[in-house]
Amino acid sequence: MSTASAQTTSPLIDYLELFEALAGLGIEVIVIGGCAVGAYARLLGETVYSSDLDLLVTRQSLDFILGESEALTLRVERMASAREVPVTVLRWKAHEINLLTATEGLAAPDIEARTAREFRISDSASTAVLVVDPFDLLRNKLAINRPKDKPHIELLRRFLDAEVIHGFQYEQEPRARIGAAERLLEVLDQSVLDQSLAERVLPLARIGADFRFLAHRLPTRELVAELARRAPGQETCAAIARIATKRGFAI
């Protein structure tokens, strides 16, 4: 699925004034947590609301925000403790704002900023909001894995399945075609695709790299055999057969 820029999301719109104020001060923040899930849910035509806004920030940005809290109309409710999750809790209007300098499954804030996706949360807004990369967000949700994260994990899985499908449907460069599938497997710590996703991807194989990748990553002998039947030439078919044999899927 294409980058999420220029899409309208909710409930991030509730925080538009705050994002614009932060941007005006040159402070970079990355949306994580439920509001980030909500941003990707909107692209699936669904709505996910969160009772608070979680932001990943560098230590320097955190100190700057605290120093400018009055100008930003933020009230500090709890400072981060070295013995607990590194989160500072603020209040902005009626909303709880959680500033985190680290969390499970995510890289350091400056690294996450490089792969975060831009969302415009209003047609009239000049400020683009950074939302954490969806693969990293899924990794974060799986690492935390609280009961309330379960529906978020399911939604992110559907969103990333769509990204995998998009790669095979529309990308031209071999690495780009399989890139989303490779990242998803890495995040899930799986060696093969889930059955349902594999069945959707298989008919989209078009070039040699697709067929070789899927020969390694389809979950069953039957699907690998179907892949071989769809192979565009004898050389590709032979390559699939060799891979299948190594996997114990003689076809």
C-alpha atoms as a PDB file:
ATOM      1  CA  MET A   1       0.000   0.000   0.000  1.00  0.00           C
ATOM      2  CA  SER A   2       1.327   3.415  -0.828  1.00  0.00           C
ATOM      3  CA  THR A   3       2.727   5.875   1.716  1.00  0.00           C
ATOM      4  CA  ALA A   4       0.035   7.432   3.860  1.00  0.00           C
ATOM      5  CA  SER A   5       0.772  11.097   3.122  1.00  0.00           C
ATOM      6  CA  ALA A   6      -2.181  13.370   2.332  1.00  0.00           C
ATOM      7  CA  GLN A   7      -4.629  11.028   4.066  1.00  0.00           C
ATOM      8  CA  THR A   8      -7.090  12.309   6.675  1.00  0.00           C
ATOM      9  CA  THR A   9      -7.198  10.414   9.957  1.00  0.00           C
ATOM     10  CA  SER A  10      -9.102  10.397  13.210  1.00  0.00           C
ATOM     11  CA  PRO A  11      -8.779  10.916  16.147  1.00  0.00           C
ATOM     12  CA  LEU A  12      -5.449  12.661  15.418  1.00  0.00           C
ATOM     13  CA  ILE A  13      -7.528  15.596  14.228  1.00  0.00           C
ATOM     14  CA  ASP A  14      -8.348  16.239  17.909  1.00  0.00           C
ATOM     15  CA  TYR A  15      -4.691  17.121  18.473  1.00  0.00           C
ATOM     16  CA  LEU A  16      -4.186  19.344  15.439  1.00  0.00           C
ATOM     17  CA  GLU A  17      -3.511  22.495  17.464  1.00  0.00           C
ATOM     18  CA  LEU A  18      -0.900  20.705  19.550  1.00  0.00           C
ATOM     19  CA  PHE A  19       0.875  19.248  16.515  1.00  0.00           C
ATOM     20  CA  GLU A  20       0.954  22.652  14.854  1.00  0.00           C
ATOM     21  CA  ALA A  21       2.331  24.261  18.019  1.00  0.00           C
ATOM     22  CA  LEU A  22       5.053  21.615  18.303  1.00  0.00           C
ATOM     23  CA  ALA A  23       5.949  22.037  14.641  1.00  0.00           C
ATOM     24  CA  GLY A  24       6.093  25.805  15.115  1.00  0.00           C
ATOM     25  CA  LEU A  25       8.744  25.288  17.787  1.00  0.00           C
ATOM     26  CA  GLY A  26      10.666  22.852  15.581  1.00  0.00           C
ATOM     27  CA  ILE A  27       9.947  19.868  17.844  1.00  0.00           C
ATOM     28  CA  GLU A  28       9.722  16.485  16.093  1.00  0.00           C
ATOM     29  CA  VAL A  29       7.463  13.832  17.610  1.00  0.00           C
ATOM     30  CA  ILE A  30       6.338  10.439  16.321  1.00  0.00           C
ATOM     31  CA  VAL A  31       2.825   9.147  16.933  1.00  0.00           C
ATOM     32  CA  ILE A  32       2.753   5.613  18.348  1.00  0.00           C
ATOM     33  CA  GLY A  33       0.173   3.589  20.280  1.00  0.00           C
ATOM     34  CA  GLY A  34      -3.561   3.560  19.638  1.00  0.00           C
ATOM     35  CA  CYS A  35      -3.629   6.811  17.653  1.00  0.00           C
ATOM     36  CA  ALA A  36      -1.020   5.381  15.270  1.00  0.00           C
ATOM     37  CA  VAL A  37      -3.155   2.270  14.826  1.00  0.00           C
ATOM     38  CA  GLY A  38      -6.085   4.597  14.170  1.00  0.00           C
ATOM     39  CA  ALA A  39      -4.169   6.339  11.388  1.00  0.00           C
ATOM     40  CA  TYR A  40      -3.629   3.048   9.552  1.00  0.00           C
ATOM     41  CA  ALA A  41      -7.163   1.866  10.353  1.00  0.00           C
ATOM     42  CA  ARG A  42      -8.502   4.905   8.506  1.00  0.00           C
ATOM     43  CA  LEU A  43      -6.727   3.700   5.357  1.00  0.00           C
ATOM     44  CA  LEU A  44      -8.706   0.462   5.667  1.00  0.00           C
ATOM     45  CA  GLY A  45     -11.951   2.397   6.025  1.00  0.00           C
ATOM     46  CA  GLU A  46     -12.186   1.737   9.756  1.00  0.00           C
ATOM     47  CA  THR A  47     -12.012   3.872  12.878  1.00  0.00           C
ATOM     48  CA  VAL A  48      -9.944   3.201  15.995  1.00  0.00           C
ATOM     49  CA  TYR A  49     -10.124   5.625  18.879  1.00  0.00           C
ATOM     50  CA  SER A  50      -7.688   5.975  21.743  1.00  0.00           C
ATOM     51  CA  SER A  51      -8.193   7.598  25.127  1.00  0.00           C
ATOM     52  CA  ASP A  52      -4.734   9.189  24.990  1.00  0.00           C
ATOM     53  CA  LEU A  53      -1.982  10.226  22.609  1.00  0.00           C
ATOM     54  CA  ASP A  54       1.363   8.417  22.791  1.00  0.00           C
ATOM     55  CA  LEU A  55       4.362  10.205  21.306  1.00  0.00           C
ATOM     56  CA  LEU A  56       7.887   8.882  20.862  1.00  0.00           C
ATOM     57  CA  VAL A  57      10.433  11.656  21.428  1.00  0.00           C
ATOM     58  CA  THR A  58      14.153  12.043  21.899  1.00  0.00           C
ATOM     59  CA  ARG A  59      15.423  13.019  25.340  1.00  0.00           C
ATOM     60  CA  GLN A  60      16.347  16.417  23.926  1.00  0.00           C
ATOM     61  CA  SER A  61      12.832  16.944  22.543  1.00  0.00           C
ATOM     62  CA  LEU A  62      11.321  15.866  25.853  1.00  0.00           C
ATOM     63  CA  ASP A  63      13.384  18.449  27.732  1.00  0.00           C
ATOM     64  CA  PHE A  64      12.415  21.110  25.185  1.00  0.00           C
ATOM     65  CA  ILE A  65       8.714  20.278  25.481  1.00  0.00           C
ATOM     66  CA  LEU A  66       8.887  20.434  29.268  1.00  0.00           C
ATOM     67  CA  GLY A  67      10.661  23.773  29.041  1.00  0.00           C
ATOM     68  CA  GLU A  68       7.952  25.097  26.716  1.00  0.00           C
ATOM     69  CA  SER A  69       5.036  23.417  28.510  1.00  0.00           C
ATOM     70  CA  GLU A  70       3.384  26.719  29.430  1.00  0.00           C
ATOM     71  CA  ALA A  71       3.552  28.022  25.852  1.00  0.00           C
ATOM     72  CA  LEU A  72       2.140  24.706  24.637  1.00  0.00           C
ATOM     73  CA  THR A  73      -0.621  24.806  27.309  1.00  0.00           C
ATOM     74  CA  LEU A  74       0.627  21.484  28.669  1.00  0.00           C
ATOM     75  CA  ARG A  75       0.388  20.521  32.331  1.00  0.00           C
ATOM     76  CA  VAL A  76       2.837  17.965  33.706  1.00  0.00           C
ATOM     77  CA  GLU A  77       1.057  15.222  35.642  1.00  0.00           C
ATOM     78  CA  ARG A  78       3.830  12.679  36.121  1.00  0.00           C
ATOM     79  CA  MET A  79       7.509  12.671  35.299  1.00  0.00           C
ATOM     80  CA  ALA A  80       9.257   9.571  33.980  1.00  0.00           C
ATOM     81  CA  SER A  81      10.939   7.387  36.579  1.00  0.00           C
ATOM     82  CA  ALA A  82      14.201   5.571  35.921  1.00  0.00           C
ATOM     83  CA  ARG A  83      12.707   2.492  37.582  1.00  0.00           C
ATOM     84  CA  GLU A  84       9.597   2.396  35.400  1.00  0.00           C
ATOM     85  CA  VAL A  85       8.597   2.680  31.753  1.00  0.00           C
ATOM     86  CA  PRO A  86      10.213   5.936  30.548  1.00  0.00           C
ATOM     87  CA  VAL A  87       6.974   7.876  30.065  1.00  0.00           C
ATOM     88  CA  THR A  88       6.132  11.439  31.056  1.00  0.00           C
ATOM     89  CA  VAL A  89       2.408  12.099  31.384  1.00  0.00           C
ATOM     90  CA  LEU A  90       1.042  15.515  30.411  1.00  0.00           C
ATOM     91  CA  ARG A  91      -2.420  17.003  30.139  1.00  0.00           C
ATOM     92  CA  TRP A  92      -3.435  19.073  27.119  1.00  0.00           C
ATOM     93  CA  LYS A  93      -6.976  20.420  27.323  1.00  0.00           C
ATOM     94  CA  ALA A  94      -8.997  17.298  28.219  1.00  0.00           C
ATOM     95  CA  HIS A  95      -6.469  14.897  26.695  1.00  0.00           C
ATOM     96  CA  GLU A  96      -3.735  12.771  28.230  1.00  0.00           C
ATOM     97  CA  ILE A  97      -0.428  13.028  26.372  1.00  0.00           C
ATOM     98  CA  ASN A  98       2.233  10.386  27.027  1.00  0.00           C
ATOM     99  CA  LEU A  99       5.798  11.208  25.999  1.00  0.00           C
ATOM    100  CA  LEU A 100       8.035   8.142  25.706  1.00  0.00           C
ATOM    101  CA  THR A 101      11.755   8.155  25.018  1.00  0.00           C
ATOM    102  CA  ALA A 102      11.779   4.358  24.538  1.00  0.00           C
ATOM    103  CA  THR A 103       9.359   1.464  24.329  1.00  0.00           C
ATOM    104  CA  GLU A 104       9.512  -2.253  23.582  1.00  0.00           C
ATOM    105  CA  GLY A 105       9.894  -3.246  19.950  1.00  0.00           C
ATOM    106  CA  LEU A 106      10.820   0.221  18.669  1.00  0.00           C
ATOM    107  CA  ALA A 107      14.233   1.621  17.848  1.00  0.00           C
ATOM    108  CA  ALA A 108      15.487   4.928  19.233  1.00  0.00           C
ATOM    109  CA  PRO A 109      13.298   7.928  18.306  1.00  0.00           C
ATOM    110  CA  ASP A 110      15.815   9.397  15.858  1.00  0.00           C
ATOM    111  CA  ILE A 111      15.961   6.070  14.014  1.00  0.00           C
ATOM    112  CA  GLU A 112      12.182   5.618  13.951  1.00  0.00           C
ATOM    113  CA  ALA A 113      11.837   9.123  12.510  1.00  0.00           C
ATOM    114  CA  ARG A 114      13.648   8.000   9.347  1.00  0.00           C
ATOM    115  CA  THR A 115      11.004   5.416   8.443  1.00  0.00           C
ATOM    116  CA  ALA A 116       7.912   7.065   9.963  1.00  0.00           C
ATOM    117  CA  ARG A 117       5.121   7.895   7.516  1.00  0.00           C
ATOM    118  CA  GLU A 118       3.642  11.330   7.039  1.00  0.00           C
ATOM    119  CA  PHE A 119      -0.066  11.934   7.523  1.00  0.00           C
ATOM    120  CA  ARG A 120      -1.934  15.164   6.902  1.00  0.00           C
ATOM    121  CA  ILE A 121      -4.685  15.017   9.465  1.00  0.00           C
ATOM    122  CA  SER A 122      -6.786  17.752   7.908  1.00  0.00           C
ATOM    123  CA  ASP A 123      -7.251  19.017   4.381  1.00  0.00           C
ATOM    124  CA  SER A 124      -6.555  22.516   5.653  1.00  0.00           C
ATOM    125  CA  ALA A 125      -3.626  21.601   7.908  1.00  0.00           C
ATOM    126  CA  SER A 126      -0.172  22.708   6.855  1.00  0.00           C
ATOM    127  CA  THR A 127       1.483  20.365   9.326  1.00  0.00           C
ATOM    128  CA  ALA A 128       2.276  16.763   8.418  1.00  0.00           C
ATOM    129  CA  VAL A 129       2.276  14.384  11.374  1.00  0.00           C
ATOM    130  CA  LEU A 130       4.825  11.586  11.637  1.00  0.00           C
ATOM    131  CA  VAL A 131       3.273   8.198  12.422  1.00  0.00           C
ATOM    132  CA  VAL A 132       5.539   5.285  13.273  1.00  0.00           C
ATOM    133  CA  ASP A 133       6.189   2.766  10.500  1.00  0.00           C
ATOM    134  CA  PRO A 134       3.402   0.124  10.554  1.00  0.00           C
ATOM    135  CA  PHE A 135       5.826  -2.824  10.622  1.00  0.00           C
ATOM    136  CA  ASP A 136       7.579  -1.331  13.644  1.00  0.00           C
ATOM    137  CA  LEU A 137       4.216  -0.551  15.231  1.00  0.00           C
ATOM    138  CA  LEU A 138       3.195  -4.200  14.899  1.00  0.00           C
ATOM    139  CA  ARG A 139       6.498  -5.266  16.452  1.00  0.00           C
ATOM    140  CA  ASN A 140       5.810  -2.880  19.337  1.00  0.00           C
ATOM    141  CA  LYS A 141       2.281  -4.190  19.854  1.00  0.00           C
ATOM    142  CA  LEU A 142       3.460  -7.812  19.772  1.00  0.00           C
ATOM    143  CA  ALA A 143       6.195  -7.045  22.315  1.00  0.00           C
ATOM    144  CA  ILE A 144       3.771  -5.380  24.734  1.00  0.00           C
ATOM    145  CA  ASN A 145       0.879  -7.766  23.932  1.00  0.00           C
ATOM    146  CA  ARG A 146      -1.678  -6.625  26.489  1.00  0.00           C
ATOM    147  CA  PRO A 147      -5.294  -7.788  26.120  1.00  0.00           C
ATOM    148  CA  LYS A 148      -6.278  -4.374  24.746  1.00  0.00           C
ATOM    149  CA  ASP A 149      -3.569  -4.689  22.082  1.00  0.00           C
ATOM    150  CA  LYS A 150      -5.153  -7.787  20.511  1.00  0.00           C
ATOM    151  CA  PRO A 151      -7.589  -5.932  18.207  1.00  0.00           C
ATOM    152  CA  HIS A 152      -4.798  -3.507  17.265  1.00  0.00           C
ATOM    153  CA  ILE A 153      -2.557  -6.433  16.316  1.00  0.00           C
ATOM    154  CA  GLU A 154      -5.323  -7.954  14.177  1.00  0.00           C
ATOM    155  CA  LEU A 155      -5.920  -4.667  12.385  1.00  0.00           C
ATOM    156  CA  LEU A 156      -2.225  -4.080  11.736  1.00  0.00           C
ATOM    157  CA  ARG A 157      -1.922  -7.626  10.381  1.00  0.00           C
ATOM    158  CA  ARG A 158      -4.685  -6.864   7.865  1.00  0.00           C
ATOM    159  CA  PHE A 159      -3.066  -3.566   6.916  1.00  0.00           C
ATOM    160  CA  LEU A 160       0.329  -5.183   6.378  1.00  0.00           C
ATOM    161  CA  ASP A 161      -1.186  -8.089   4.450  1.00  0.00           C
ATOM    162  CA  ALA A 162      -2.547  -5.408   2.117  1.00  0.00           C
ATOM    163  CA  GLU A 163       0.953  -3.915   1.822  1.00  0.00           C
ATOM    164  CA  VAL A 164       2.321  -7.329   0.853  1.00  0.00           C
ATOM    165  CA  ILE A 165      -0.376  -7.704  -1.805  1.00  0.00           C
ATOM    166  CA  HIS A 166       0.299  -4.186  -3.069  1.00  0.00           C
ATOM    167  CA  GLY A 167       3.988  -5.004  -3.531  1.00  0.00           C
ATOM    168  CA  PHE A 168       3.290  -8.004  -5.713  1.00  0.00           C
ATOM    169  CA  GLN A 169       0.593  -6.184  -7.663  1.00  0.00           C
ATOM    170  CA  TYR A 170       2.240  -2.866  -8.419  1.00  0.00           C
ATOM    171  CA  GLU A 171       5.965  -2.724  -7.693  1.00  0.00           C
ATOM    172  CA  GLN A 172       8.341  -3.279 -10.585  1.00  0.00           C
ATOM    173  CA  GLU A 173      11.782  -3.665  -8.990  1.00  0.00           C
ATOM    174  CA  PRO A 174      12.355  -7.236  -7.692  1.00  0.00           C
ATOM    175  CA  ARG A 175      13.395  -6.248  -4.165  1.00  0.00           C
ATOM    176  CA  ALA A 176      10.465  -3.855  -3.824  1.00  0.00           C
ATOM    177  CA  ARG A 177       8.017  -6.555  -4.917  1.00  0.00           C
ATOM    178  CA  ILE A 178       8.946  -8.893  -2.068  1.00  0.00           C
ATOM    179  CA  GLY A 179      10.133  -6.289   0.447  1.00  0.00           C
ATOM    180  CA  ALA A 180       6.896  -5.989   2.433  1.00  0.00           C
ATOM    181  CA  ALA A 181       6.555  -9.777   2.664  1.00  0.00           C
ATOM    182  CA  GLU A 182      10.114 -10.107   3.956  1.00  0.00           C
ATOM    183  CA  ARG A 183       9.558  -7.407   6.571  1.00  0.00           C
ATOM    184  CA  LEU A 184       6.310  -8.965   7.749  1.00  0.00           C
ATOM    185  CA  LEU A 185       7.939 -12.364   8.200  1.00  0.00           C
ATOM    186  CA  GLU A 186      10.782 -10.737  10.130  1.00  0.00           C
ATOM    187  CA  VAL A 187       8.401  -8.915  12.479  1.00  0.00           C
ATOM    188  CA  LEU A 188       6.324 -12.057  13.047  1.00  0.00           C
ATOM    189  CA  ASP A 189       9.459 -14.206  13.414  1.00  0.00           C
ATOM    190  CA  GLN A 190       8.023 -16.652  10.872  1.00  0.00           C
ATOM    191  CA  SER A 191       9.754 -18.570   8.098  1.00  0.00           C
ATOM    192  CA  VAL A 192       6.639 -18.957   5.914  1.00  0.00           C
ATOM    193  CA  LEU A 193       3.612 -16.858   5.059  1.00  0.00           C
ATOM    194  CA  ASP A 194       0.268 -17.516   6.690  1.00  0.00           C
ATOM    195  CA  GLN A 195      -1.926 -19.761   4.560  1.00  0.00           C
ATOM    196  CA  SER A 196      -4.531 -17.124   3.728  1.00  0.00           C
ATOM    197  CA  LEU A 197      -1.957 -14.532   2.673  1.00  0.00           C
ATOM    198  CA  ALA A 198       0.016 -17.119   0.691  1.00  0.00           C
ATOM    199  CA  GLU A 199      -3.093 -18.061  -1.276  1.00  0.00           C
ATOM    200  CA  ARG A 200      -3.665 -14.398  -2.172  1.00  0.00           C
ATOM    201  CA  VAL A 201      -0.064 -13.722  -3.152  1.00  0.00           C
ATOM    202  CA  LEU A 202       0.603 -16.852  -5.230  1.00  0.00           C
ATOM    203  CA  PRO A 203      -1.474 -15.801  -8.289  1.00  0.00           C
ATOM    204  CA  LEU A 204       0.391 -12.456  -8.333  1.00  0.00           C
ATOM    205  CA  ALA A 205       3.832 -13.995  -8.938  1.00  0.00           C
ATOM    206  CA  ARG A 206       5.153 -12.586 -12.189  1.00  0.00           C
ATOM    207  CA  ILE A 207       8.970 -12.503 -12.313  1.00  0.00           C
ATOM    208  CA  GLY A 208      11.677 -14.962 -11.348  1.00  0.00           C
ATOM    209  CA  ALA A 209      12.381 -13.293  -8.002  1.00  0.00           C
ATOM    210  CA  ASP A 210       8.709 -13.685  -7.032  1.00  0.00           C
ATOM    211  CA  PHE A 211       8.718 -17.398  -7.804  1.00  0.00           C
ATOM    212  CA  ARG A 212      12.003 -18.089  -6.008  1.00  0.00           C
ATOM    213  CA  PHE A 213      10.908 -16.144  -2.929  1.00  0.00           C
ATOM    214  CA  LEU A 214       7.544 -17.886  -2.750  1.00  0.00           C
ATOM    215  CA  ALA A 215       9.104 -21.312  -3.275  1.00  0.00           C
ATOM    216  CA  HIS A 216      10.867 -20.714   0.056  1.00  0.00           C
ATOM    217  CA  ARG A 217       7.951 -19.014   1.818  1.00  0.00           C
ATOM    218  CA  LEU A 218       4.739 -20.813   0.832  1.00  0.00           C
ATOM    219  CA  PRO A 219       3.555 -22.931   3.766  1.00  0.00           C
ATOM    220  CA  THR A 220       2.456 -26.174   2.067  1.00  0.00           C
ATOM    221  CA  ARG A 221       3.592 -28.611  -0.619  1.00  0.00           C
ATOM    222  CA  GLU A 222       0.314 -28.084  -2.467  1.00  0.00           C
ATOM    223  CA  LEU A 223       0.915 -24.363  -2.826  1.00  0.00           C
ATOM    224  CA  VAL A 224       4.507 -24.882  -3.942  1.00  0.00           C
ATOM    225  CA  ALA A 225       3.302 -27.372  -6.557  1.00  0.00           C
ATOM    226  CA  GLU A 226       0.754 -24.825  -7.788  1.00  0.00           C
ATOM    227  CA  LEU A 227       3.534 -22.241  -7.947  1.00  0.00           C
ATOM    228  CA  ALA A 228       5.574 -24.584 -10.142  1.00  0.00           C
ATOM    229  CA  ARG A 229       2.614 -25.060 -12.483  1.00  0.00           C
ATOM    230  CA  ARG A 230       2.419 -21.289 -12.886  1.00  0.00           C
ATOM    231  CA  ALA A 231       6.160 -20.858 -13.522  1.00  0.00           C
ATOM    232  CA  PRO A 232       6.857 -18.900 -16.733  1.00  0.00           C
ATOM    233  CA  GLY A 233       9.628 -21.206 -18.009  1.00  0.00           C
ATOM    234  CA  GLN A 234      11.550 -24.428 -17.500  1.00  0.00           C
ATOM    235  CA  GLU A 235      14.428 -22.704 -15.693  1.00  0.00           C
ATOM    236  CA  THR A 236      12.144 -21.144 -13.110  1.00  0.00           C
ATOM    237  CA  CYS A 237      10.200 -24.378 -12.732  1.00  0.00           C
ATOM    238  CA  ALA A 238      13.441 -26.289 -12.135  1.00  0.00           C
ATOM    239  CA  ALA A 239      14.535 -23.732  -9.524  1.00  0.00           C
ATOM    240  CA  ILE A 240      11.227 -24.164  -7.685  1.00  0.00           C
ATOM    241  CA  ALA A 241      11.630 -27.954  -7.782  1.00  0.00           C
ATOM    242  CA  ARG A 242      15.137 -27.715  -6.281  1.00  0.00           C
ATOM    243  CA  ILE A 243      13.921 -25.435  -3.480  1.00  0.00           C
ATOM    244  CA  ALA A 244      10.922 -27.685  -2.839  1.00  0.00           C
ATOM    245  CA  THR A 245      13.171 -30.740  -2.548  1.00  0.00           C
ATOM    246  CA  LYS A 246      15.379 -28.995   0.011  1.00  0.00           C
ATOM    247  CA  ARG A 247      12.264 -28.157   2.008  1.00  0.00           C
ATOM    248  CA  GLY A 248      11.041 -31.748   1.878  1.00  0.00           C
ATOM    249  CA  PHE A 249       8.275 -30.817  -0.571  1.00  0.00           C
ATOM    250  CA  ALA A 250       9.254 -33.001  -3.548  1.00  0.00           C
ATOM    251  CA  ILE A 251       6.982 -32.051  -6.443  1.00  0.00           C
END
